[in-house]
C-alpha cells in the first residue's frame, strides 16, 4: 500500500525495471496466483494487466485452451477430442464428464478455467525445505584436488545460509554434469544433521 493501488504500484515497478535495468516485464494482478499468472500472459511485452474474477468471462474464456496453466500438448489434444477448444468451453463443460475422461487432472483444469485456485498470495516466502548451490566451472575439472575445492566452496556457501537461518540438514546430494551434458548424482543420509 506504500505505492498506491495495485495497478499503480505495478506500473511503477514495471517502469523502474525498464528504466533502471533495461529489460521488460509483464505484471499480472488478481485475487489469486493463477489469475495473476494468466493476466501476466495476456499481452506482451512490458504490460500490466488485471484479471479479476468479474473479468474472467471477457478476458480469459475466449483464449485457446492451450493458454490455460497446466494444459500441455497431450492434454490439449484430449480436450479438443471432447470438443473443448477455448478456456470458456472447458469452464462450461460438465465436471462429471471431465472427471470421467481426465480424472483428477480434469477437475483441476475445470477449477482453473473458472478462476479458482487454492494457492493464496502470502506476504512472506515459505521456509526453505532444502538448500542448494551450483556452479559451472570455466574449465573441465579433471583432478580430484580441484573437484574438492569446487565442492568445498559450494558447501561453504550452503552452510553459511543454513547457519544464518538456524537450520541443519542430514541429506546431502551432489549432482555433476559433464561437458557433454551427461548427469550423475549421488545422495547420502547422515546419522546427524549438520550445518558445517
N, C-alpha and C. Protein backbone atom coordinates (compact mmCIF):
# COMPACT_ATOMS: atom_id res chain seq x y z
N UNK A 1 0.81 -1.21 0.00
CA UNK A 1 0.00 0.00 0.00
C UNK A 1 0.85 1.26 0.00
N UNK A 2 2.14 1.11 0.19
CA UNK A 2 3.01 2.29 0.15
C UNK A 2 3.03 2.92 -1.23
N UNK A 3 2.71 2.16 -2.27
CA UNK A 3 2.83 2.65 -3.65
C UNK A 3 1.48 2.85 -4.32
N UNK A 4 0.40 2.88 -3.54
CA UNK A 4 -0.91 3.13 -4.11
C UNK A 4 -1.64 1.86 -4.47
N UNK A 5 -2.67 2.02 -5.31
CA UNK A 5 -3.49 0.89 -5.75
C UNK A 5 -2.63 -0.14 -6.49
N UNK A 6 -3.07 -1.41 -6.55
CA UNK A 6 -2.26 -2.45 -7.19
C UNK A 6 -1.79 -2.10 -8.60
N UNK A 7 -2.67 -1.57 -9.43
CA UNK A 7 -2.28 -1.27 -10.81
C UNK A 7 -1.22 -0.17 -10.85
N UNK A 8 -1.38 0.86 -10.01
CA UNK A 8 -0.42 1.96 -9.96
C UNK A 8 0.94 1.45 -9.48
N UNK A 9 0.94 0.62 -8.44
CA UNK A 9 2.19 0.05 -7.92
C UNK A 9 2.86 -0.82 -8.99
N UNK A 10 2.07 -1.61 -9.70
CA UNK A 10 2.62 -2.48 -10.75
C UNK A 10 3.22 -1.65 -11.89
N UNK A 11 2.55 -0.57 -12.26
CA UNK A 11 3.07 0.31 -13.32
C UNK A 11 4.41 0.92 -12.91
N UNK A 12 4.50 1.35 -11.65
CA UNK A 12 5.76 1.93 -11.16
C UNK A 12 6.88 0.88 -11.21
N UNK A 13 6.56 -0.32 -10.77
CA UNK A 13 7.54 -1.41 -10.75
C UNK A 13 8.00 -1.73 -12.18
N UNK A 14 7.05 -1.88 -13.10
CA UNK A 14 7.38 -2.19 -14.49
C UNK A 14 8.25 -1.10 -15.11
N UNK A 15 7.88 0.15 -14.87
CA UNK A 15 8.62 1.28 -15.44
C UNK A 15 10.04 1.36 -14.87
N UNK A 16 10.18 1.18 -13.55
CA UNK A 16 11.52 1.24 -12.93
C UNK A 16 12.42 0.12 -13.44
N UNK A 17 11.87 -1.07 -13.60
CA UNK A 17 12.67 -2.19 -14.11
C UNK A 17 13.18 -1.86 -15.51
N UNK A 18 12.31 -1.29 -16.34
CA UNK A 18 12.71 -0.92 -17.70
C UNK A 18 13.76 0.18 -17.68
N UNK A 19 13.54 1.23 -16.89
CA UNK A 19 14.45 2.38 -16.88
C UNK A 19 15.79 2.07 -16.22
N UNK A 20 15.77 1.30 -15.12
CA UNK A 20 17.00 1.06 -14.36
C UNK A 20 17.75 -0.19 -14.79
N UNK A 21 17.03 -1.21 -15.25
CA UNK A 21 17.68 -2.47 -15.59
C UNK A 21 17.67 -2.78 -17.08
N UNK A 22 16.78 -2.11 -17.81
CA UNK A 22 16.79 -2.23 -19.27
C UNK A 22 16.13 -3.46 -19.84
N UNK A 23 15.26 -4.12 -19.07
CA UNK A 23 14.53 -5.24 -19.66
C UNK A 23 13.05 -5.13 -19.32
N UNK A 24 12.24 -5.83 -20.10
CA UNK A 24 10.79 -5.74 -19.95
C UNK A 24 10.26 -6.82 -19.03
N UNK A 25 9.16 -6.51 -18.37
CA UNK A 25 8.44 -7.49 -17.57
C UNK A 25 6.95 -7.29 -17.80
N UNK A 26 6.21 -8.35 -17.67
CA UNK A 26 4.76 -8.27 -17.65
C UNK A 26 4.33 -8.49 -16.21
N UNK A 27 3.34 -7.73 -15.78
CA UNK A 27 2.84 -7.87 -14.42
C UNK A 27 1.36 -8.21 -14.49
N UNK A 28 0.98 -9.28 -13.81
CA UNK A 28 -0.42 -9.68 -13.73
C UNK A 28 -0.95 -9.41 -12.34
N UNK A 29 -2.15 -8.87 -12.26
CA UNK A 29 -2.76 -8.52 -10.98
C UNK A 29 -4.10 -9.23 -10.86
N UNK A 30 -4.33 -9.91 -9.74
CA UNK A 30 -5.62 -10.53 -9.49
C UNK A 30 -5.75 -10.91 -8.02
N UNK A 31 -6.77 -11.71 -7.74
CA UNK A 31 -7.06 -12.11 -6.37
C UNK A 31 -6.42 -13.45 -6.00
N UNK A 32 -5.86 -14.18 -6.98
CA UNK A 32 -5.14 -15.41 -6.67
C UNK A 32 -3.99 -15.59 -7.66
N UNK A 33 -3.10 -16.52 -7.35
CA UNK A 33 -1.88 -16.69 -8.14
C UNK A 33 -2.18 -17.11 -9.58
N UNK A 34 -3.13 -18.01 -9.76
CA UNK A 34 -3.46 -18.49 -11.10
C UNK A 34 -3.90 -17.33 -11.99
N UNK A 35 -4.85 -16.54 -11.52
CA UNK A 35 -5.37 -15.45 -12.33
C UNK A 35 -4.30 -14.38 -12.57
N UNK A 36 -3.44 -14.13 -11.58
CA UNK A 36 -2.36 -13.16 -11.76
C UNK A 36 -1.39 -13.66 -12.83
N UNK A 37 -1.09 -14.96 -12.83
CA UNK A 37 -0.20 -15.52 -13.85
C UNK A 37 -0.85 -15.42 -15.23
N UNK A 38 -2.12 -15.76 -15.31
CA UNK A 38 -2.83 -15.66 -16.58
C UNK A 38 -2.87 -14.21 -17.06
N UNK A 39 -3.07 -13.26 -16.14
CA UNK A 39 -3.11 -11.84 -16.51
C UNK A 39 -1.77 -11.40 -17.06
N UNK A 40 -0.69 -11.87 -16.46
CA UNK A 40 0.65 -11.50 -16.91
C UNK A 40 0.97 -12.00 -18.31
N UNK A 41 0.24 -13.04 -18.75
CA UNK A 41 0.48 -13.61 -20.07
C UNK A 41 -0.49 -13.09 -21.14
N UNK A 42 -1.41 -12.20 -20.76
CA UNK A 42 -2.44 -11.76 -21.71
C UNK A 42 -1.88 -11.06 -22.94
N UNK A 43 -0.98 -10.14 -22.75
CA UNK A 43 -0.41 -9.39 -23.87
C UNK A 43 0.99 -8.97 -23.49
N UNK A 44 1.93 -9.15 -24.38
CA UNK A 44 3.32 -8.82 -24.09
C UNK A 44 3.84 -7.90 -25.18
N UNK A 45 4.96 -7.26 -25.01
CA UNK A 45 5.79 -7.19 -23.80
C UNK A 45 5.53 -5.91 -23.01
N UNK A 46 6.06 -5.92 -21.79
CA UNK A 46 6.13 -4.72 -20.94
C UNK A 46 4.76 -4.13 -20.65
N UNK A 47 3.86 -4.97 -20.16
CA UNK A 47 2.48 -4.54 -19.90
C UNK A 47 2.06 -4.90 -18.48
N UNK A 48 1.03 -4.22 -18.02
CA UNK A 48 0.37 -4.54 -16.76
C UNK A 48 -1.08 -4.88 -17.09
N UNK A 49 -1.55 -6.03 -16.61
CA UNK A 49 -2.92 -6.44 -16.86
C UNK A 49 -3.57 -6.91 -15.57
N UNK A 50 -4.88 -6.73 -15.49
CA UNK A 50 -5.66 -7.29 -14.39
C UNK A 50 -6.49 -8.44 -14.94
N UNK A 51 -6.80 -9.38 -14.07
CA UNK A 51 -7.74 -10.45 -14.40
C UNK A 51 -8.45 -10.83 -13.10
N UNK A 52 -9.39 -10.00 -12.71
CA UNK A 52 -10.18 -10.25 -11.51
C UNK A 52 -11.32 -11.21 -11.85
N UNK A 53 -11.91 -11.87 -10.86
CA UNK A 53 -12.98 -12.83 -11.14
C UNK A 53 -14.08 -12.31 -12.07
N UNK A 54 -14.45 -11.05 -11.92
CA UNK A 54 -15.51 -10.50 -12.78
C UNK A 54 -15.05 -10.27 -14.23
N UNK A 55 -13.74 -10.40 -14.49
CA UNK A 55 -13.20 -10.21 -15.85
C UNK A 55 -12.92 -11.52 -16.57
N UNK A 56 -13.11 -12.64 -15.88
CA UNK A 56 -12.77 -13.95 -16.44
C UNK A 56 -13.50 -14.22 -17.75
N UNK A 57 -14.83 -14.00 -17.77
CA UNK A 57 -15.62 -14.32 -18.96
C UNK A 57 -15.17 -13.51 -20.18
N UNK A 58 -14.82 -12.25 -19.98
CA UNK A 58 -14.46 -11.42 -21.13
C UNK A 58 -12.98 -11.53 -21.52
N UNK A 59 -12.09 -11.75 -20.56
CA UNK A 59 -10.66 -11.75 -20.86
C UNK A 59 -10.04 -13.14 -20.99
N UNK A 60 -10.50 -14.11 -20.19
CA UNK A 60 -9.85 -15.41 -20.16
C UNK A 60 -10.59 -16.46 -20.98
N UNK A 61 -11.91 -16.49 -20.92
CA UNK A 61 -12.66 -17.55 -21.59
C UNK A 61 -12.48 -17.59 -23.10
N UNK A 62 -12.29 -16.46 -23.80
CA UNK A 62 -12.10 -16.55 -25.26
C UNK A 62 -10.74 -17.14 -25.68
N UNK A 63 -9.79 -17.26 -24.74
CA UNK A 63 -8.44 -17.73 -25.08
C UNK A 63 -8.43 -19.20 -25.47
N UNK A 64 -7.49 -19.62 -26.34
CA UNK A 64 -7.37 -21.04 -26.69
C UNK A 64 -7.07 -21.87 -25.44
N UNK A 65 -7.55 -23.09 -25.44
CA UNK A 65 -7.40 -23.97 -24.27
C UNK A 65 -5.93 -24.16 -23.90
N UNK A 66 -5.03 -24.11 -24.88
CA UNK A 66 -3.59 -24.31 -24.64
C UNK A 66 -3.01 -23.22 -23.74
N UNK A 67 -3.68 -22.05 -23.67
CA UNK A 67 -3.18 -20.95 -22.85
C UNK A 67 -3.45 -21.14 -21.35
N UNK A 68 -4.26 -22.13 -20.99
CA UNK A 68 -4.56 -22.36 -19.58
C UNK A 68 -3.40 -23.06 -18.90
N UNK A 69 -3.06 -22.61 -17.72
CA UNK A 69 -1.99 -23.21 -16.92
C UNK A 69 -2.27 -24.70 -16.75
N UNK A 70 -1.28 -25.53 -16.91
CA UNK A 70 -1.29 -26.99 -16.80
C UNK A 70 -1.79 -27.71 -18.04
N UNK A 71 -2.14 -26.99 -19.10
CA UNK A 71 -2.59 -27.66 -20.32
C UNK A 71 -1.42 -27.72 -21.29
N UNK A 72 -0.86 -28.92 -21.43
CA UNK A 72 0.23 -29.14 -22.36
C UNK A 72 -0.32 -29.71 -23.67
N UNK A 73 0.59 -30.05 -24.60
CA UNK A 73 0.15 -30.56 -25.91
C UNK A 73 -0.72 -31.82 -25.81
N UNK A 74 -0.37 -32.76 -24.95
CA UNK A 74 -1.14 -34.01 -24.85
C UNK A 74 -2.53 -33.74 -24.29
N UNK A 75 -2.60 -32.91 -23.25
CA UNK A 75 -3.90 -32.58 -22.66
C UNK A 75 -4.74 -31.78 -23.64
N UNK A 76 -4.10 -30.87 -24.37
CA UNK A 76 -4.82 -30.08 -25.37
C UNK A 76 -5.50 -31.01 -26.39
N UNK A 77 -4.78 -32.02 -26.82
CA UNK A 77 -5.32 -32.97 -27.80
C UNK A 77 -6.54 -33.70 -27.23
N UNK A 78 -6.45 -34.13 -25.98
CA UNK A 78 -7.57 -34.83 -25.33
C UNK A 78 -8.78 -33.91 -25.20
N UNK A 79 -8.53 -32.66 -24.82
CA UNK A 79 -9.64 -31.71 -24.65
C UNK A 79 -10.30 -31.40 -25.99
N UNK A 80 -9.50 -31.23 -27.03
CA UNK A 80 -10.07 -30.95 -28.36
C UNK A 80 -10.89 -32.13 -28.86
N UNK A 81 -10.49 -33.36 -28.50
CA UNK A 81 -11.26 -34.55 -28.87
C UNK A 81 -12.64 -34.53 -28.20
N UNK A 82 -12.75 -33.81 -27.08
CA UNK A 82 -14.03 -33.66 -26.38
C UNK A 82 -14.80 -32.43 -26.87
N UNK A 83 -14.24 -31.73 -27.86
CA UNK A 83 -14.91 -30.53 -28.38
C UNK A 83 -14.62 -29.29 -27.56
N UNK A 84 -13.54 -29.31 -26.78
CA UNK A 84 -13.17 -28.18 -25.93
C UNK A 84 -12.00 -27.45 -26.59
N UNK A 85 -12.25 -26.26 -27.10
CA UNK A 85 -11.24 -25.50 -27.84
C UNK A 85 -10.79 -24.23 -27.12
N UNK A 86 -11.65 -23.68 -26.27
CA UNK A 86 -11.30 -22.45 -25.54
C UNK A 86 -11.38 -22.71 -24.04
N UNK A 87 -10.82 -21.79 -23.28
CA UNK A 87 -10.89 -21.90 -21.82
C UNK A 87 -12.36 -21.82 -21.38
N UNK A 88 -13.15 -21.00 -22.09
CA UNK A 88 -14.58 -20.90 -21.79
C UNK A 88 -15.31 -22.21 -22.03
N UNK A 89 -14.94 -22.92 -23.11
CA UNK A 89 -15.54 -24.24 -23.36
C UNK A 89 -15.29 -25.16 -22.17
N UNK A 90 -14.08 -25.15 -21.67
CA UNK A 90 -13.73 -26.01 -20.54
C UNK A 90 -14.50 -25.59 -19.29
N UNK A 91 -14.58 -24.30 -19.04
CA UNK A 91 -15.27 -23.79 -17.86
C UNK A 91 -16.74 -24.19 -17.84
N UNK A 92 -17.33 -24.31 -19.03
CA UNK A 92 -18.76 -24.62 -19.13
C UNK A 92 -19.04 -26.12 -19.29
N UNK A 93 -17.99 -26.93 -19.37
CA UNK A 93 -18.16 -28.38 -19.53
C UNK A 93 -18.62 -28.99 -18.21
N UNK A 94 -19.44 -30.02 -18.31
CA UNK A 94 -19.93 -30.73 -17.13
C UNK A 94 -18.74 -31.35 -16.39
N UNK A 95 -18.62 -31.03 -15.12
CA UNK A 95 -17.49 -31.51 -14.32
C UNK A 95 -17.44 -33.03 -14.26
N UNK A 96 -18.60 -33.69 -14.25
CA UNK A 96 -18.62 -35.16 -14.21
C UNK A 96 -17.97 -35.76 -15.45
N UNK A 97 -18.21 -35.15 -16.60
CA UNK A 97 -17.60 -35.63 -17.86
C UNK A 97 -16.08 -35.52 -17.77
N UNK A 98 -15.61 -34.37 -17.27
CA UNK A 98 -14.16 -34.17 -17.16
C UNK A 98 -13.54 -35.16 -16.17
N UNK A 99 -14.22 -35.42 -15.07
CA UNK A 99 -13.71 -36.38 -14.09
C UNK A 99 -13.62 -37.77 -14.71
N UNK A 100 -14.65 -38.16 -15.46
CA UNK A 100 -14.66 -39.50 -16.07
C UNK A 100 -13.57 -39.65 -17.12
N UNK A 101 -13.36 -38.61 -17.91
CA UNK A 101 -12.41 -38.69 -19.02
C UNK A 101 -10.97 -38.39 -18.61
N UNK A 102 -10.78 -37.45 -17.68
CA UNK A 102 -9.42 -36.99 -17.35
C UNK A 102 -9.06 -37.12 -15.88
N UNK A 103 -9.95 -37.67 -15.08
CA UNK A 103 -9.66 -37.89 -13.66
C UNK A 103 -9.49 -36.60 -12.88
N UNK A 104 -8.63 -36.67 -11.90
CA UNK A 104 -8.37 -35.53 -11.01
C UNK A 104 -7.84 -34.33 -11.79
N UNK A 105 -7.01 -34.59 -12.79
CA UNK A 105 -6.44 -33.52 -13.62
C UNK A 105 -7.54 -32.74 -14.33
N UNK A 106 -8.56 -33.43 -14.79
CA UNK A 106 -9.69 -32.77 -15.43
C UNK A 106 -10.42 -31.85 -14.48
N UNK A 107 -10.59 -32.30 -13.25
CA UNK A 107 -11.25 -31.47 -12.24
C UNK A 107 -10.41 -30.23 -11.92
N UNK A 108 -9.11 -30.41 -11.78
CA UNK A 108 -8.22 -29.28 -11.50
C UNK A 108 -8.28 -28.25 -12.62
N UNK A 109 -8.23 -28.73 -13.87
CA UNK A 109 -8.29 -27.80 -15.00
C UNK A 109 -9.62 -27.06 -15.05
N UNK A 110 -10.71 -27.75 -14.71
CA UNK A 110 -12.03 -27.12 -14.70
C UNK A 110 -12.06 -25.98 -13.69
N UNK A 111 -11.49 -26.22 -12.50
CA UNK A 111 -11.42 -25.17 -11.49
C UNK A 111 -10.57 -24.00 -12.00
N UNK A 112 -9.44 -24.31 -12.63
CA UNK A 112 -8.59 -23.26 -13.17
C UNK A 112 -9.34 -22.44 -14.23
N UNK A 113 -10.07 -23.12 -15.11
CA UNK A 113 -10.82 -22.43 -16.17
C UNK A 113 -11.87 -21.50 -15.58
N UNK A 114 -12.32 -21.81 -14.38
CA UNK A 114 -13.30 -20.97 -13.69
C UNK A 114 -12.64 -19.99 -12.72
N UNK A 115 -11.30 -19.90 -12.79
CA UNK A 115 -10.57 -18.91 -11.99
C UNK A 115 -10.36 -19.29 -10.55
N UNK A 116 -10.58 -20.54 -10.23
CA UNK A 116 -10.41 -20.99 -8.83
C UNK A 116 -9.04 -21.62 -8.66
N UNK A 117 -8.35 -21.15 -7.63
CA UNK A 117 -7.01 -21.65 -7.32
C UNK A 117 -6.83 -21.59 -5.83
N UNK A 118 -6.39 -22.70 -5.23
CA UNK A 118 -6.25 -22.76 -3.78
C UNK A 118 -5.01 -22.05 -3.27
N UNK A 119 -4.06 -21.75 -4.15
CA UNK A 119 -2.81 -21.11 -3.72
C UNK A 119 -3.05 -19.63 -3.46
N UNK A 120 -3.03 -19.26 -2.20
CA UNK A 120 -3.22 -17.85 -1.87
C UNK A 120 -1.89 -17.11 -1.94
N UNK A 121 -1.95 -15.82 -2.18
CA UNK A 121 -0.75 -15.00 -2.21
C UNK A 121 -0.38 -14.68 -0.77
N UNK A 122 0.82 -15.04 -0.36
CA UNK A 122 1.27 -14.78 1.01
C UNK A 122 2.34 -13.70 0.99
N UNK A 123 2.36 -12.84 2.02
CA UNK A 123 3.32 -11.73 2.01
C UNK A 123 4.76 -12.15 2.25
N UNK A 124 4.99 -13.32 2.79
CA UNK A 124 6.36 -13.77 3.06
C UNK A 124 6.58 -15.14 2.44
N UNK A 125 7.78 -15.37 2.00
CA UNK A 125 8.12 -16.66 1.39
C UNK A 125 8.06 -17.78 2.42
N UNK A 126 7.71 -18.98 1.96
CA UNK A 126 7.68 -20.14 2.84
C UNK A 126 9.11 -20.50 3.25
N UNK A 127 9.22 -21.16 4.39
CA UNK A 127 10.54 -21.57 4.88
C UNK A 127 11.19 -22.53 3.88
N UNK A 128 12.50 -22.46 3.77
CA UNK A 128 13.24 -23.34 2.87
C UNK A 128 13.09 -24.79 3.31
N UNK A 129 12.83 -25.67 2.34
CA UNK A 129 12.80 -27.10 2.64
C UNK A 129 14.14 -27.73 2.30
N UNK A 130 14.92 -27.02 1.52
CA UNK A 130 16.23 -27.52 1.14
C UNK A 130 17.12 -26.36 0.74
N UNK A 131 18.41 -26.57 0.83
CA UNK A 131 19.38 -25.54 0.47
C UNK A 131 20.27 -26.12 -0.62
N UNK A 132 20.58 -25.30 -1.61
CA UNK A 132 21.43 -25.81 -2.68
C UNK A 132 22.30 -24.69 -3.24
N UNK A 133 23.28 -25.10 -4.00
CA UNK A 133 24.16 -24.17 -4.67
C UNK A 133 24.76 -24.91 -5.86
N UNK A 134 25.05 -24.18 -6.92
CA UNK A 134 25.66 -24.83 -8.08
C UNK A 134 26.58 -23.84 -8.78
N UNK A 135 27.43 -24.37 -9.62
CA UNK A 135 28.34 -23.53 -10.39
C UNK A 135 28.69 -24.24 -11.68
N UNK A 136 29.06 -23.47 -12.66
CA UNK A 136 29.64 -24.00 -13.89
C UNK A 136 31.08 -23.54 -13.92
N UNK A 137 31.99 -24.49 -13.96
CA UNK A 137 33.41 -24.13 -13.93
C UNK A 137 33.87 -23.64 -15.30
N UNK A 138 34.86 -22.79 -15.30
CA UNK A 138 35.38 -22.22 -16.55
C UNK A 138 36.06 -23.30 -17.40
N UNK A 139 36.64 -24.29 -16.72
CA UNK A 139 37.32 -25.38 -17.43
C UNK A 139 36.83 -26.70 -16.87
N UNK A 140 36.98 -27.76 -17.64
CA UNK A 140 36.62 -29.08 -17.15
C UNK A 140 37.46 -29.40 -15.91
N UNK A 141 36.82 -29.97 -14.90
CA UNK A 141 37.52 -30.38 -13.69
C UNK A 141 37.99 -31.82 -13.91
N UNK A 142 39.29 -32.00 -13.93
CA UNK A 142 39.82 -33.33 -14.23
C UNK A 142 40.68 -33.89 -13.09
N UNK A 143 40.91 -33.10 -12.04
CA UNK A 143 41.70 -33.64 -10.92
C UNK A 143 40.87 -33.63 -9.64
N UNK A 144 41.17 -34.59 -8.79
CA UNK A 144 40.45 -34.75 -7.53
C UNK A 144 40.59 -33.50 -6.67
N UNK A 145 41.79 -32.90 -6.61
CA UNK A 145 42.01 -31.74 -5.73
C UNK A 145 41.18 -30.53 -6.18
N UNK A 146 41.08 -30.31 -7.49
CA UNK A 146 40.26 -29.20 -8.00
C UNK A 146 38.79 -29.49 -7.71
N UNK A 147 38.38 -30.74 -7.91
CA UNK A 147 37.00 -31.13 -7.62
C UNK A 147 36.65 -30.87 -6.16
N UNK A 148 37.54 -31.25 -5.24
CA UNK A 148 37.30 -31.00 -3.82
C UNK A 148 37.21 -29.50 -3.52
N UNK A 149 38.03 -28.70 -4.17
CA UNK A 149 37.99 -27.24 -3.95
C UNK A 149 36.66 -26.66 -4.39
N UNK A 150 36.15 -27.11 -5.53
CA UNK A 150 34.86 -26.63 -6.01
C UNK A 150 33.76 -27.03 -5.04
N UNK A 151 33.77 -28.31 -4.62
CA UNK A 151 32.76 -28.78 -3.67
C UNK A 151 32.83 -28.02 -2.35
N UNK A 152 34.03 -27.77 -1.85
CA UNK A 152 34.19 -27.04 -0.59
C UNK A 152 33.60 -25.64 -0.69
N UNK A 153 33.86 -24.97 -1.79
CA UNK A 153 33.33 -23.63 -1.99
C UNK A 153 31.80 -23.64 -2.00
N UNK A 154 31.20 -24.60 -2.71
CA UNK A 154 29.74 -24.71 -2.77
C UNK A 154 29.16 -25.03 -1.39
N UNK A 155 29.82 -25.95 -0.68
CA UNK A 155 29.34 -26.34 0.65
C UNK A 155 29.42 -25.18 1.64
N UNK A 156 30.50 -24.42 1.57
CA UNK A 156 30.63 -23.28 2.49
C UNK A 156 29.49 -22.29 2.31
N UNK A 157 29.12 -22.02 1.08
CA UNK A 157 28.04 -21.07 0.81
C UNK A 157 26.70 -21.61 1.32
N UNK A 158 26.43 -22.89 1.05
CA UNK A 158 25.18 -23.50 1.51
C UNK A 158 25.11 -23.48 3.04
N UNK A 159 26.18 -23.90 3.69
CA UNK A 159 26.18 -23.97 5.15
C UNK A 159 26.10 -22.59 5.80
N UNK A 160 26.69 -21.59 5.17
CA UNK A 160 26.59 -20.23 5.69
C UNK A 160 25.12 -19.80 5.70
N UNK A 161 24.39 -20.10 4.62
CA UNK A 161 22.97 -19.74 4.57
C UNK A 161 22.16 -20.54 5.58
N UNK A 162 22.52 -21.82 5.77
CA UNK A 162 21.80 -22.64 6.75
C UNK A 162 22.02 -22.11 8.16
N UNK A 163 23.26 -21.74 8.48
CA UNK A 163 23.54 -21.20 9.82
C UNK A 163 22.79 -19.88 10.03
N UNK A 164 22.76 -19.05 8.99
CA UNK A 164 22.03 -17.77 9.07
C UNK A 164 20.56 -18.01 9.41
N UNK A 165 19.98 -19.07 8.83
CA UNK A 165 18.57 -19.37 9.03
C UNK A 165 18.31 -20.29 10.21
N UNK A 166 19.37 -20.70 10.92
CA UNK A 166 19.21 -21.59 12.07
C UNK A 166 18.77 -22.99 11.67
N UNK A 167 19.24 -23.47 10.53
CA UNK A 167 18.82 -24.78 10.01
C UNK A 167 19.99 -25.75 9.95
N UNK A 168 19.66 -27.04 9.95
CA UNK A 168 20.63 -28.10 9.74
C UNK A 168 20.02 -29.11 8.78
N UNK A 169 20.86 -29.92 8.17
CA UNK A 169 20.37 -30.93 7.24
C UNK A 169 21.10 -32.24 7.38
N UNK A 170 20.44 -33.32 6.97
CA UNK A 170 21.08 -34.63 7.09
C UNK A 170 21.13 -35.38 5.76
N UNK A 171 20.49 -34.85 4.73
CA UNK A 171 20.54 -35.49 3.42
C UNK A 171 21.38 -34.62 2.48
N UNK A 172 22.44 -35.18 1.94
CA UNK A 172 23.33 -34.43 1.06
C UNK A 172 23.31 -35.08 -0.31
N UNK A 173 23.11 -34.27 -1.33
CA UNK A 173 23.08 -34.75 -2.70
C UNK A 173 24.06 -33.94 -3.54
N UNK A 174 24.78 -34.63 -4.39
CA UNK A 174 25.70 -33.96 -5.30
C UNK A 174 25.30 -34.33 -6.73
N UNK A 175 25.14 -33.32 -7.57
CA UNK A 175 24.85 -33.53 -8.99
C UNK A 175 26.04 -33.05 -9.80
N UNK A 176 26.45 -33.83 -10.75
CA UNK A 176 27.53 -33.45 -11.65
C UNK A 176 27.01 -33.50 -13.09
N UNK A 177 27.40 -32.51 -13.88
CA UNK A 177 27.06 -32.52 -15.30
C UNK A 177 28.35 -32.38 -16.08
N UNK A 178 28.59 -33.30 -16.99
CA UNK A 178 29.82 -33.27 -17.78
C UNK A 178 29.69 -32.28 -18.93
N UNK A 179 30.80 -32.05 -19.61
CA UNK A 179 30.81 -31.10 -20.73
C UNK A 179 29.93 -31.59 -21.89
N UNK A 180 29.62 -32.89 -21.93
CA UNK A 180 28.71 -33.39 -22.96
C UNK A 180 27.30 -33.60 -22.40
N UNK A 181 27.01 -32.92 -21.27
CA UNK A 181 25.69 -32.85 -20.66
C UNK A 181 25.15 -34.18 -20.13
N UNK A 182 26.04 -35.06 -19.72
CA UNK A 182 25.63 -36.28 -19.03
C UNK A 182 25.54 -35.95 -17.53
N UNK A 183 24.47 -36.39 -16.89
CA UNK A 183 24.25 -36.09 -15.48
C UNK A 183 24.53 -37.30 -14.61
N UNK A 184 25.14 -37.05 -13.47
CA UNK A 184 25.39 -38.07 -12.47
C UNK A 184 25.05 -37.48 -11.11
N UNK A 185 24.45 -38.27 -10.24
CA UNK A 185 24.19 -37.75 -8.90
C UNK A 185 24.42 -38.85 -7.87
N UNK A 186 24.68 -38.40 -6.66
CA UNK A 186 24.88 -39.32 -5.53
C UNK A 186 24.30 -38.67 -4.29
N UNK A 187 23.65 -39.46 -3.47
CA UNK A 187 23.00 -38.93 -2.28
C UNK A 187 23.39 -39.78 -1.08
N UNK A 188 23.55 -39.13 0.07
CA UNK A 188 23.87 -39.84 1.29
C UNK A 188 23.07 -39.25 2.46
N UNK A 189 22.63 -40.12 3.35
CA UNK A 189 21.90 -39.69 4.53
C UNK A 189 22.87 -39.75 5.72
N UNK A 190 23.10 -38.61 6.38
CA UNK A 190 23.99 -38.57 7.54
C UNK A 190 23.26 -39.08 8.78
N UNK A 191 24.02 -39.55 9.77
CA UNK A 191 23.41 -40.00 11.02
C UNK A 191 22.89 -38.82 11.83
N UNK A 192 23.59 -37.69 11.74
CA UNK A 192 23.20 -36.49 12.49
C UNK A 192 23.13 -35.29 11.55
N UNK A 193 22.18 -34.43 11.79
CA UNK A 193 22.05 -33.23 10.97
C UNK A 193 23.21 -32.29 11.25
N UNK A 194 23.61 -31.51 10.23
CA UNK A 194 24.73 -30.62 10.37
C UNK A 194 24.52 -29.33 9.56
N UNK A 195 25.26 -28.29 9.90
CA UNK A 195 25.31 -27.09 9.07
C UNK A 195 26.74 -26.60 8.94
N UNK A 196 27.68 -27.55 9.03
CA UNK A 196 29.10 -27.24 8.85
C UNK A 196 29.66 -28.09 7.70
